[in-house]
Amino acid sequence: MFEFYSEIIFQLLVGHALADFALQHEAMGAGKNRHNVIHQKKAGQFFPAWYYWMSSHALIHGGAVYIVTGSLIFGLVETVLHGLIDATKCEGRINFHQDQALHVLCKIGYCCFI
């Protein structure tokens, strides 16, 4: 039983690392933060609004959780929670380490429900 859960948590963490680091390019990292200078009137004229970037980033995470767990519910929950956690970080209410800890706790939570 432990092997099953350790395999799933490993897969979820790999998915998180891929989505949060390897697949999050500079434009997405800057774009998902509504306070970033890229969104100023002149600079952001042809740059998509922050909520497109945040939604896309959160959907990538939700998709990773869905692929690993096979659960649409977990995928949707991850999409919402990841977006909320990242938005909280962008607002300066939590730091990078707290952001990452909350994401890992979400993954542990999914394993608890499985």
Protein backbone atom coordinates (compact mmCIF):
# COMPACT_ATOMS: atom_id res chain seq x y z
CA MET A 1 0.00 0.00 0.00
CA PHE A 2 2.84 2.41 0.87
CA GLU A 3 4.43 1.77 -2.54
CA PHE A 4 1.20 2.77 -4.27
CA TYR A 5 0.94 6.10 -2.44
CA SER A 6 4.66 6.85 -2.71
CA GLU A 7 4.45 6.27 -6.46
CA ILE A 8 1.49 8.62 -6.83
CA ILE A 9 3.01 11.37 -4.67
CA PHE A 10 6.22 11.06 -6.67
CA GLN A 11 4.31 11.39 -9.95
CA LEU A 12 2.35 14.36 -8.61
CA LEU A 13 5.53 16.11 -7.48
CA VAL A 14 7.22 15.47 -10.83
CA GLY A 15 4.15 16.92 -12.56
CA HIS A 16 4.32 19.93 -10.27
CA ALA A 17 8.02 20.47 -10.94
CA LEU A 18 7.46 20.24 -14.68
CA ALA A 19 4.48 22.61 -14.64
CA ASP A 20 5.88 25.14 -12.17
CA PHE A 21 9.44 25.29 -13.44
CA ALA A 22 10.13 23.62 -16.79
CA LEU A 23 6.86 24.66 -18.46
CA GLN A 24 6.55 28.08 -16.83
CA HIS A 25 8.50 30.34 -19.14
CA GLU A 26 9.44 33.91 -18.32
CA ALA A 27 6.39 35.41 -20.07
CA MET A 28 4.01 33.26 -18.03
CA GLY A 29 5.83 33.97 -14.77
CA ALA A 30 5.58 37.70 -15.41
CA GLY A 31 2.21 37.59 -17.10
CA LYS A 32 0.30 35.83 -14.33
CA ASN A 33 1.13 38.60 -11.86
CA ARG A 34 -1.31 41.49 -12.35
CA HIS A 35 1.14 43.84 -10.64
CA ASN A 36 3.98 43.15 -13.09
CA VAL A 37 5.19 46.12 -15.13
CA ILE A 38 4.38 44.19 -18.32
CA HIS A 39 0.70 45.02 -17.72
CA GLN A 40 1.16 48.77 -17.67
CA LYS A 41 -0.83 50.62 -20.30
CA LYS A 42 1.86 51.12 -22.98
CA ALA A 43 3.98 48.07 -22.17
CA GLY A 44 1.02 45.68 -22.08
CA GLN A 45 -0.82 46.96 -25.13
CA PHE A 46 -0.28 43.73 -27.07
CA PHE A 47 0.38 41.47 -24.08
CA PRO A 48 -2.46 39.22 -22.86
CA ALA A 49 -4.13 40.16 -19.57
CA TRP A 50 -2.83 38.54 -16.39
CA TYR A 51 -5.92 36.34 -15.92
CA TYR A 52 -5.22 34.54 -19.21
CA TRP A 53 -1.73 33.69 -18.00
CA MET A 54 -2.92 32.67 -14.52
CA SER A 55 -5.74 30.53 -15.92
CA SER A 56 -3.42 28.81 -18.38
CA HIS A 57 -0.82 28.13 -15.69
CA ALA A 58 -3.43 26.74 -13.30
CA LEU A 59 -4.92 24.56 -16.07
CA ILE A 60 -1.51 23.07 -16.82
CA HIS A 61 -1.26 22.06 -13.15
CA GLY A 62 -4.81 20.73 -13.12
CA GLY A 63 -4.04 18.72 -16.24
CA ALA A 64 -0.94 17.22 -14.64
CA VAL A 65 -2.96 16.13 -11.59
CA TYR A 66 -5.68 14.72 -13.84
CA ILE A 67 -3.14 12.75 -15.88
CA VAL A 68 -1.54 11.25 -12.77
CA THR A 69 -4.71 10.50 -10.78
CA GLY A 70 -7.20 9.93 -13.58
CA SER A 71 -9.65 12.05 -11.57
CA LEU A 72 -11.37 14.99 -13.21
CA ILE A 73 -12.43 16.21 -9.76
CA PHE A 74 -8.83 16.31 -8.52
CA GLY A 75 -7.79 18.03 -11.74
CA LEU A 76 -10.45 20.72 -11.32
CA VAL A 77 -9.67 21.17 -7.63
CA GLU A 78 -5.98 21.55 -8.46
CA THR A 79 -6.76 24.12 -11.15
CA VAL A 80 -8.72 26.27 -8.69
CA LEU A 81 -6.36 25.81 -5.73
CA HIS A 82 -3.22 26.39 -7.76
CA GLY A 83 -4.66 29.59 -9.18
CA LEU A 84 -5.71 30.83 -5.73
CA ILE A 85 -2.35 30.00 -4.16
CA ASP A 86 -0.41 31.68 -6.95
CA ALA A 87 -2.68 34.73 -6.85
CA THR A 88 -2.06 34.99 -3.12
CA LYS A 89 1.69 34.90 -3.79
CA CYS A 90 1.37 37.55 -6.51
CA GLU A 91 -0.47 39.77 -4.03
CA GLY A 92 2.48 39.47 -1.63
CA ARG A 93 0.52 37.67 1.10
CA ILE A 94 2.77 34.61 1.03
CA ASN A 95 6.34 34.07 -0.14
CA PHE A 96 7.78 31.58 -2.62
CA HIS A 97 8.51 28.94 0.04
CA GLN A 98 5.00 29.13 1.49
CA ASP A 99 3.59 28.95 -2.05
CA GLN A 100 5.52 25.77 -2.78
CA ALA A 101 4.63 24.21 0.59
CA LEU A 102 0.93 24.80 -0.07
CA HIS A 103 1.21 23.19 -3.51
CA VAL A 104 2.91 20.12 -2.02
CA LEU A 105 0.23 19.92 0.71
CA CYS A 106 -2.41 19.85 -2.02
CA LYS A 107 -0.67 16.86 -3.60
CA ILE A 108 -0.52 15.08 -0.25
CA GLY A 109 -4.22 15.83 0.19
CA TYR A 110 -5.09 14.13 -3.09
CA CYS A 111 -3.16 11.05 -1.96
CA CYS A 112 -5.13 11.03 1.30
CA PHE A 113 -8.42 11.02 -0.63
CA ILE A 114 -7.25 8.25 -2.95
